[in-house]
Protein backbone atom coordinates (compact mmCIF):
# COMPACT_ATOMS: atom_id res chain seq x y z
CA MET A 1 14.35 15.06 10.06
CA PHE A 2 18.06 15.43 8.17
CA THR A 3 18.44 19.16 7.79
CA VAL A 4 20.79 20.62 5.08
CA VAL A 5 22.09 24.20 4.70
CA LEU A 6 21.43 25.27 1.17
CA ALA A 7 23.40 27.98 -0.31
CA GLY A 8 21.65 30.94 -1.41
CA ALA A 9 17.34 31.34 -0.54
CA VAL A 10 14.24 30.52 -2.39
CA VAL A 11 13.20 34.01 -3.74
CA LEU A 12 9.47 34.10 -4.20
CA THR A 13 7.81 36.49 -6.70
CA SER A 14 4.76 38.18 -6.01
CA GLY A 15 2.14 38.61 -9.22
CA CYS A 16 0.56 35.65 -11.43
CA SER A 17 3.59 33.75 -11.32
CA THR A 18 6.28 32.50 -9.34
CA ALA A 19 9.55 30.65 -10.36
CA VAL A 20 11.88 27.96 -9.20
CA ASP A 21 15.19 27.98 -10.65
CA GLY A 22 13.78 30.72 -13.71
CA THR A 23 10.67 28.32 -14.34
CA PRO A 24 8.06 30.19 -14.25
CA LEU A 25 5.13 27.92 -12.10
CA ALA A 26 1.43 28.70 -12.38
CA ASP A 27 0.57 30.75 -9.13
CA PRO A 28 0.20 28.48 -6.29
CA ARG A 29 -1.71 30.77 -4.36
CA ALA A 30 -4.43 30.97 -7.13
CA THR A 31 -8.33 30.00 -6.10
CA ARG A 32 -11.19 29.01 -7.89
CA SER A 33 -13.31 32.13 -9.09
CA SER A 34 -16.00 30.38 -6.58
CA GLU A 35 -14.77 30.27 -3.61
CA PRO A 36 -16.22 31.96 -0.62
CA SER A 37 -14.97 36.10 -0.31
CA GLY A 38 -14.25 37.52 2.80
CA PRO A 39 -12.69 37.11 5.85
CA VAL A 40 -12.29 33.13 7.13
CA THR A 41 -10.64 31.46 9.56
CA LEU A 42 -8.91 28.19 9.19
CA THR A 43 -7.35 25.52 11.72
CA PHE A 44 -4.65 23.80 10.99
CA LEU A 45 -3.68 20.57 12.67
CA THR A 46 -0.29 19.30 12.63
CA SER A 47 2.81 18.08 14.69
CA LEU A 48 5.24 19.44 16.53
CA ASN A 49 8.58 20.63 14.89
CA ASP A 50 6.90 20.56 11.40
CA GLY A 51 8.58 23.94 10.06
CA TYR A 52 5.61 25.26 8.82
CA GLU A 53 5.24 28.60 11.24
CA ASP A 54 7.48 30.64 8.87
CA LEU A 55 4.93 29.95 5.80
CA LEU A 56 1.92 30.41 7.36
CA THR A 57 2.92 33.59 8.53
CA GLU A 58 4.02 34.68 4.96
CA TYR A 59 0.76 32.94 3.79
CA ARG A 60 -1.25 35.28 6.19
CA SER A 61 0.40 38.56 5.50
CA GLU A 62 -0.50 38.04 1.39
CA HIS A 63 -3.79 36.82 2.47
CA SER A 64 -5.50 39.48 4.73
CA GLY A 65 -8.66 38.13 5.09
CA VAL A 66 -6.99 34.78 6.33
CA THR A 67 -6.82 33.71 9.82
CA ILE A 68 -4.83 30.74 10.76
CA LYS A 69 -5.08 29.08 14.05
CA VAL A 70 -2.76 26.28 14.22
CA GLN A 71 -2.96 23.56 16.51
CA ARG A 72 0.12 21.60 17.58
CA THR A 73 0.09 18.15 18.74
CA ASP A 74 2.93 16.20 20.17
CA PRO A 75 4.00 13.29 16.85
CA GLY A 76 2.28 10.54 20.00
CA SER A 77 -1.10 11.87 20.03
CA TYR A 78 -1.43 13.19 16.83
CA TYR A 79 -3.25 10.65 14.93
CA PRO A 80 -5.59 9.66 17.73
CA LYS A 81 -6.55 13.28 17.81
CA LEU A 82 -7.23 13.47 14.13
CA ARG A 83 -9.43 10.57 14.47
CA THR A 84 -11.06 11.94 17.17
CA MET A 85 -11.83 15.37 15.70
CA LEU A 86 -12.78 14.09 12.64
CA ALA A 87 -15.17 11.11 14.00
CA ALA A 88 -16.82 13.77 16.00
CA GLY A 89 -17.68 15.90 13.18
CA GLN A 90 -15.59 18.78 14.18
CA PRO A 91 -12.34 18.33 12.31
CA PRO A 92 -9.82 20.88 11.55
CA ASP A 93 -9.78 22.76 8.09
CA LEU A 94 -6.63 21.40 7.18
CA ALA A 95 -3.99 18.24 8.36
CA VAL A 96 -1.36 16.17 7.73
CA VAL A 97 -1.27 13.06 6.70
CA GLY A 98 1.61 10.63 6.70
CA ASP A 99 2.57 7.93 4.51
CA GLU A 100 2.62 5.40 7.25
CA TYR A 101 -1.38 6.47 8.05
CA ARG A 102 -2.29 7.13 4.62
CA ALA A 103 -3.38 3.76 4.33
CA ASP A 104 -5.53 3.97 6.99
CA LEU A 105 -6.97 7.12 6.46
CA PHE A 106 -7.61 7.10 2.48
CA GLY A 107 -9.15 4.15 2.84
CA GLN A 108 -12.38 5.14 4.39
CA PRO A 109 -14.52 7.12 2.40
CA GLY A 110 -16.47 10.56 3.16
CA LEU A 111 -13.31 11.33 5.50
CA PHE A 112 -11.88 13.81 2.90
CA ALA A 113 -12.59 16.54 0.20
CA ASP A 114 -11.62 16.12 -3.24
CA LEU A 115 -9.51 17.98 -4.13
CA ALA A 116 -9.73 17.63 -7.78
CA GLU A 117 -13.08 19.32 -7.19
CA ALA A 118 -12.00 21.56 -3.93
CA GLY A 119 -8.55 22.73 -4.72
CA PRO A 120 -7.63 25.64 -7.37
CA ASP A 121 -8.09 24.66 -10.97
CA ASP A 122 -4.75 25.04 -11.54
CA VAL A 123 -3.16 22.53 -9.78
CA ASP A 124 -1.97 19.99 -12.38
CA PRO A 125 -1.10 16.80 -10.93
CA LYS A 126 1.60 16.90 -12.74
CA ARG A 127 3.26 18.99 -10.62
CA TRP A 128 4.26 16.29 -8.60
CA LEU A 129 6.03 12.80 -9.16
CA ASP A 130 3.05 10.42 -10.53
CA TRP A 131 4.09 7.92 -7.68
CA LYS A 132 3.37 10.74 -5.00
CA TYR A 133 0.50 12.06 -6.94
CA GLU A 134 -0.89 8.62 -6.94
CA GLY A 135 -0.71 7.93 -3.31
CA GLY A 136 -2.60 10.93 -2.36
CA LEU A 137 -5.23 9.13 -4.35
CA GLY A 138 -8.54 7.09 -2.42
CA LYS A 139 -10.98 4.96 -3.71
CA ASP A 140 -12.61 5.68 -6.94
CA ASP A 141 -9.68 7.70 -7.40
CA ALA A 142 -10.87 10.74 -5.14
CA TRP A 143 -8.24 13.09 -4.38
CA PHE A 144 -7.48 13.22 -1.23
CA GLY A 145 -4.31 14.22 -0.41
CA TYR A 146 -1.35 16.66 -1.81
CA GLY A 147 1.87 15.83 -1.36
CA MET A 148 4.33 17.14 0.83
CA ASP A 149 7.86 15.50 1.37
CA SER A 150 8.27 12.15 0.68
CA ALA A 151 11.39 9.80 1.58
CA PRO A 152 12.63 8.16 -1.38
CA ILE A 153 15.14 5.08 -0.29
CA GLY A 154 18.89 4.91 -0.79
CA MET A 155 20.98 2.21 0.29
CA ALA A 156 23.67 3.27 2.82
CA TYR A 157 26.31 1.00 3.45
CA ARG A 158 30.11 0.86 5.27
CA THR A 159 33.03 1.94 3.11
CA ASP A 160 35.31 0.22 5.40
CA LEU A 161 33.51 -2.49 5.95
CA PHE A 162 33.27 -2.94 2.25
CA ALA A 163 37.02 -2.80 1.95
CA ALA A 164 38.11 -4.95 4.46
CA ALA A 165 35.50 -7.50 2.97
CA GLY A 166 37.63 -7.53 -0.65
CA LEU A 167 33.97 -5.18 -1.84
CA PRO A 168 34.41 -2.27 -3.79
CA THR A 169 33.68 0.84 -2.00
CA ASP A 170 33.42 3.63 -5.45
CA PRO A 171 29.74 4.46 -5.50
CA ALA A 172 29.77 3.08 -9.23
CA GLN A 173 31.01 -0.33 -8.69
CA VAL A 174 28.83 -0.93 -5.52
CA GLY A 175 26.14 0.71 -7.97
CA ASP A 176 26.27 -2.71 -9.48
CA LEU A 177 26.32 -5.15 -6.22
CA PHE A 178 22.96 -3.41 -5.97
CA LYS A 179 21.46 -3.07 -9.50
CA SER A 180 18.82 -6.12 -8.11
CA TRP A 181 17.81 -7.83 -5.15
CA ASP A 182 19.39 -10.88 -6.06
CA ALA A 183 22.80 -9.23 -6.90
CA TYR A 184 22.51 -7.33 -3.30
CA PHE A 185 22.04 -10.93 -1.70
CA ALA A 186 24.60 -12.54 -3.43
CA ALA A 187 26.98 -9.48 -2.75
CA GLY A 188 25.69 -10.27 1.18
CA ASP A 189 26.66 -13.58 0.43
CA GLN A 190 30.34 -12.75 -0.28
CA TYR A 191 30.12 -10.07 2.91
CA THR A 192 29.48 -12.71 5.63
CA ARG A 193 31.20 -15.52 3.71
CA LYS A 194 34.49 -12.93 4.26
CA THR A 195 33.93 -11.64 7.75
CA GLY A 196 30.99 -14.02 9.48
CA LYS A 197 29.25 -10.63 9.92
CA PRO A 198 25.81 -9.98 8.96
CA TRP A 199 25.21 -7.48 5.90
CA PHE A 200 22.00 -6.20 6.97
CA ASP A 201 20.59 -4.79 9.92
CA SER A 202 17.01 -5.99 10.14
CA ALA A 203 15.00 -8.59 8.10
CA SER A 204 11.82 -6.35 8.94
CA GLU A 205 13.67 -3.13 7.30
CA VAL A 206 14.44 -5.06 4.25
CA PHE A 207 11.37 -6.56 3.18
CA THR A 208 9.45 -3.46 4.28
CA THR A 209 11.47 -1.97 1.29
CA MET A 210 10.69 -4.73 -1.03
CA GLN A 211 7.10 -4.54 0.01
CA ASN A 212 6.77 -1.11 -0.75
CA GLN A 213 7.89 -1.73 -4.65
CA LEU A 214 4.81 -3.49 -4.43
CA ASP A 215 1.27 -2.49 -6.05
CA ASN A 216 -0.96 -4.06 -4.03
CA PRO A 217 1.04 -6.19 -1.30
CA TYR A 218 -1.31 -7.17 1.38
CA PHE A 219 -4.74 -6.28 -0.19
CA ASP A 220 -6.31 -5.70 -3.41
CA ARG A 221 -8.08 -2.78 -4.80
CA ASP A 222 -11.43 -4.23 -3.05
CA ASP A 223 -9.78 -4.47 0.06
CA LYS A 224 -9.72 -8.55 -0.13
CA LEU A 225 -6.84 -9.94 1.54
CA VAL A 226 -4.08 -11.26 -0.89
CA ILE A 227 -0.99 -12.37 1.19
CA GLU A 228 -1.15 -16.09 0.41
CA SER A 229 -1.64 -15.43 -3.56
CA ASN A 230 0.55 -12.81 -3.73
CA THR A 231 3.57 -14.75 -5.50
CA LYS A 232 5.42 -11.37 -5.18
CA LEU A 233 5.44 -10.83 -1.80
CA LYS A 234 5.69 -14.30 -0.94
CA ALA A 235 9.27 -14.27 -3.27
CA GLY A 236 10.34 -10.87 -1.36
CA TRP A 237 9.48 -13.32 2.19
CA ASP A 238 11.64 -16.02 0.45
CA ALA A 239 14.42 -14.43 -0.02
CA VAL A 240 14.84 -12.25 2.69
CA THR A 241 14.13 -15.36 5.06
CA GLY A 242 16.99 -17.23 3.02
CA ALA A 243 19.40 -14.39 3.79
CA ILE A 244 19.03 -14.89 7.63
CA GLY A 245 19.61 -18.56 7.49
CA ARG A 246 22.84 -17.67 5.52
CA GLY A 247 23.84 -15.09 8.28
CA GLN A 248 22.71 -12.00 6.64
CA SER A 249 21.00 -10.44 9.35
CA ALA A 250 21.93 -8.66 12.31
CA LYS A 251 18.99 -9.43 13.79
CA LEU A 252 18.19 -6.17 15.35
CA GLU A 253 14.55 -4.78 16.21
CA PRO A 254 14.30 -1.21 14.44
CA PHE A 255 14.50 1.74 16.33
CA SER A 256 15.86 -0.34 19.80
CA PRO A 257 19.04 0.63 21.22
CA GLU A 258 20.57 -2.12 19.80
CA TRP A 259 19.91 -1.06 16.32
CA PHE A 260 20.57 2.53 17.22
CA SER A 261 24.40 1.53 18.54
CA GLY A 262 24.86 -0.83 15.56
CA PHE A 263 25.16 2.06 13.52
CA ARG A 264 28.14 3.29 15.47
CA ALA A 265 29.97 -0.35 16.33
CA GLY A 266 29.64 -1.49 12.57
CA THR A 267 27.60 -4.24 13.38
CA PHE A 268 26.42 -4.35 9.89
CA ALA A 269 27.21 -3.43 6.47
CA THR A 270 24.23 -2.26 4.83
CA ALA A 271 20.94 -0.95 5.55
CA PRO A 272 18.17 0.82 3.67
CA ALA A 273 18.10 4.24 4.57
CA PRO A 274 14.92 6.62 3.47
CA TYR A 275 16.28 10.27 2.97
CA TRP A 276 15.15 10.83 6.80
CA MET A 277 17.63 8.16 8.15
CA LEU A 278 20.46 10.20 6.90
CA ASN A 279 20.64 12.23 9.76
CA LEU A 280 19.71 9.54 12.42
CA ILE A 281 22.78 7.74 10.45
CA LYS A 282 24.76 10.87 11.65
CA SER A 283 23.83 10.87 15.05
CA GLN A 284 23.63 7.62 15.74
CA ALA A 285 27.48 6.41 14.10
CA GLY A 286 29.19 9.47 15.55
CA PRO A 287 31.83 11.59 14.51
CA GLU A 288 34.66 9.18 14.46
CA ASN A 289 33.01 7.56 11.44
CA ALA A 290 32.07 10.48 9.42
CA GLY A 291 33.73 9.55 5.69
CA LYS A 292 33.38 5.78 6.17
CA TRP A 293 29.34 5.88 5.20
CA ALA A 294 28.22 6.41 1.66
CA VAL A 295 24.24 5.77 -0.13
CA ALA A 296 24.60 4.37 -3.67
CA ASP A 297 22.63 5.83 -6.13
CA THR A 298 21.59 2.38 -7.57
CA PHE A 299 18.71 0.81 -5.29
CA PRO A 300 17.75 -2.93 -5.36
CA GLY A 301 14.64 -3.31 -7.64
CA GLY A 302 15.18 0.17 -9.29
CA GLY A 303 13.63 2.50 -6.50
CA ALA A 304 10.99 2.81 -3.33
CA ASN A 305 9.74 5.20 -1.01
CA TRP A 306 9.42 4.56 3.00
CA GLY A 307 7.32 8.43 4.15
CA GLY A 308 6.58 11.28 3.85
CA SER A 309 3.36 13.36 3.99
CA TYR A 310 0.46 14.97 2.60
CA LEU A 311 -1.53 17.40 3.54
CA VAL A 312 -5.71 17.04 3.88
CA VAL A 313 -9.05 19.11 3.99
CA PRO A 314 -11.65 17.45 5.87
CA LYS A 315 -14.90 17.21 3.86
CA LYS A 316 -16.76 18.32 7.04
CA SER A 317 -14.70 21.68 7.32
CA PRO A 318 -16.79 24.73 6.60
CA ALA A 319 -14.00 26.36 4.04
CA THR A 320 -13.44 23.63 2.07
CA GLU A 321 -11.93 25.22 -0.96
CA GLN A 322 -10.00 27.98 1.32
CA ALA A 323 -8.37 25.38 3.06
CA ALA A 324 -7.28 23.93 -0.21
CA ALA A 325 -6.14 27.05 -1.66
CA LEU A 326 -3.67 27.09 1.83
CA ALA A 327 -2.86 23.49 0.76
CA ALA A 328 -2.06 24.13 -2.91
CA TRP A 329 0.53 26.75 -1.72
CA LEU A 330 2.24 25.08 1.12
CA THR A 331 3.14 22.04 -1.45
CA ALA A 332 4.12 24.61 -3.87
CA PRO A 333 7.83 23.70 -5.14
CA GLU A 334 8.93 27.25 -3.60
CA GLN A 335 7.96 26.22 -0.39
CA GLN A 336 8.87 22.68 -0.75
CA LEU A 337 12.15 24.35 -0.96
CA ARG A 338 12.17 26.26 2.03
CA LEU A 339 11.09 23.03 4.41
CA PHE A 340 13.88 21.50 2.86
CA GLU A 341 15.94 24.12 4.19
CA SER A 342 14.90 24.42 7.33
CA VAL A 343 13.78 21.04 8.34
CA GLY A 344 15.38 18.39 6.19
CA ALA A 345 11.61 17.37 4.20
CA PHE A 346 12.95 16.03 1.35
CA PRO A 347 10.42 17.51 -1.76
CA SER A 348 8.44 15.37 -3.84
CA GLN A 349 7.42 18.04 -6.51
CA VAL A 350 9.14 17.51 -10.32
CA ASP A 351 10.12 21.51 -10.26
CA ALA A 352 11.48 21.16 -6.69
CA LEU A 353 13.23 17.91 -7.20
CA ALA A 354 14.70 19.55 -10.46
CA SER A 355 15.99 22.44 -8.74
CA THR A 356 19.76 23.11 -8.59
CA LYS A 357 19.46 24.37 -4.48
CA LEU A 358 18.27 20.77 -3.97
CA ARG A 359 20.34 19.10 -6.51
CA GLY A 360 23.70 20.95 -5.11
CA ALA A 361 23.00 20.15 -1.52
CA THR A 362 25.73 18.46 -0.04
CA ASP A 363 26.92 16.36 3.52
CA ASP A 364 30.37 15.83 4.26
CA TYR A 365 29.61 13.59 6.96
CA PHE A 366 28.96 11.24 3.78
CA VAL A 367 31.53 9.76 1.63
CA THR A 368 28.97 10.24 -0.95
CA LYS A 369 28.48 13.87 -0.65
CA GLU A 370 26.00 14.70 -3.10
CA THR A 371 23.17 13.51 -1.44
CA GLY A 372 20.80 16.19 -2.73
CA ARG A 373 21.38 14.67 -5.98
CA ILE A 374 21.99 11.45 -5.20
CA TYR A 375 18.23 10.91 -3.36
CA ALA A 376 16.67 13.43 -6.49
CA ASP A 377 18.10 10.68 -8.66
CA LEU A 378 16.25 7.78 -6.73
CA ALA A 379 12.87 9.70 -5.87
CA ASP A 380 12.78 9.19 -9.88
CA LYS A 381 13.38 5.75 -10.28
CA VAL A 382 10.32 4.99 -7.64
CA THR A 383 7.21 3.90 -9.67
CA VAL A 384 4.91 2.54 -7.17
CA ALA A 385 2.85 4.07 -4.15
CA PRO A 386 1.98 0.74 -2.75
CA TYR A 387 -1.97 0.62 -2.62
CA GLY A 388 -3.50 1.02 0.75
CA ALA A 389 -6.19 -0.90 2.69
CA PRO A 390 -7.69 0.30 6.13
CA ARG A 391 -5.90 -2.55 7.96
CA ASP A 392 -2.72 -2.29 5.91
CA SER A 393 -0.58 -0.70 8.06
CA ARG A 394 -1.77 -3.20 11.08
CA VAL A 395 -1.01 -6.27 8.85
CA GLN A 396 2.58 -4.94 8.39
CA THR A 397 3.15 -4.44 11.77
CA GLU A 398 1.80 -6.69 13.87
CA ALA A 399 1.52 -9.82 11.39
CA MET A 400 4.88 -9.87 8.99
CA TRP A 401 7.35 -7.76 11.65
CA PRO A 402 6.37 -10.66 14.46
CA ALA A 403 6.84 -13.19 11.83
CA LEU A 404 10.22 -11.93 10.10
CA GLN A 405 11.67 -11.67 13.87
CA ALA A 406 10.65 -15.05 14.53
CA VAL A 407 12.67 -16.55 11.65
CA GLU A 408 15.72 -14.11 12.89
CA HIS A 409 15.48 -16.34 16.52
CA GLY A 410 14.84 -19.45 14.83
CA THR A 411 11.53 -20.29 13.48
CA PRO A 412 11.20 -21.81 10.27
CA PRO A 413 10.62 -20.00 7.45
CA ASP A 414 7.52 -21.73 6.41
CA ALA A 415 6.16 -21.68 9.70
CA GLY A 416 6.92 -18.14 10.30
CA TRP A 417 5.39 -17.14 6.93
CA GLN A 418 2.35 -19.56 7.97
CA GLN A 419 2.04 -17.17 11.18
CA ALA A 420 2.08 -14.19 9.32
CA VAL A 421 -0.60 -15.33 7.40
CA ASP A 422 -2.83 -16.75 10.15
CA LYS A 423 -2.54 -13.56 12.17
CA ALA A 424 -3.09 -11.20 9.03
CA GLY A 425 -6.25 -12.89 8.80
CA GLN A 426 -7.50 -12.17 12.05
CA LEU A 427 -6.72 -8.77 11.93
CA ASN A 428 -8.45 -8.62 8.57
């Protein structure tokens, strides 16, 4: 993740209320009057390097009756372990669910406690951006996850490549190129005609970003596959595959060696960049490209999110209310800002996003140095948390992405679409 060092510290106050930048907040440590009293031991399943340890140490010091045992797992085996524990009926008391697994896990009833019932009375959904709160809901609007970090998407671009193609480089003017997807692809046509080089990194990256702007991209609320009837999804497919045919895609597989090296070599001029990708751009583009990359504060289609996480309390935990109280404290604005400072986890709570500590965060690697403000504004522009059915992620990674890559390597767009539809039907 992208690490930003903030000036100053987030001050936590004891007593009945806390504040972010002087704004009083309800006490995130408050618990329901019906919460069981006495000592309790909570197990917290999480992955490595999540940045929670200092926060948990503080929580323990303020709650003498609470013992927290952290079970750390490497990212590759984290979700298989969580699923195994849930299936065995011996879950942790608290766990992290990343946005990429939200569709799978939140779509299954009976796994997690409804935090509207188990959580502290004063935890208002309005603490979060609307789309982040809605992303924590399961079927029948049960509240399964308190939103932790988020990943609003900006459009990263190489200013030197733009200049060489006669395109504007000033962020305000570049924003006009990114005001809609039609404008974005039109600018791509201008770029490829002028340079003969690709405009964007990967069709699957661009298409996934567009898909993240739809309420029901692959399944309806009854978990019925709707790819063939989803005209907005098909319109996105047509736009992206049309751009492939006009030479705009670098045809790189995301996270492949060639994709990584493309940031350094200037293989492409633009790339959708969730907040967590900024550190990747810096490390892969290298110091020789400092001052060349920028991020526009306008994004095609308004806004989108790609990533982030939620804290969940398994329904079979023997201490759901106490675990929910811990989750409420960990996701409060003060703690979100501290994780932003320590590990670059971008906040999702309204007061944290309005904080001058966040909005004043800068990174001199980028032409657009005000990365905190830019991404806070982009987060405000997101309107949708796509509904995810249990098979949603498999349809995306096993049907849509391979079909797009097939088109990038010569399959006609209509045949690629049918390939995606057929494969999705097999997975359904």
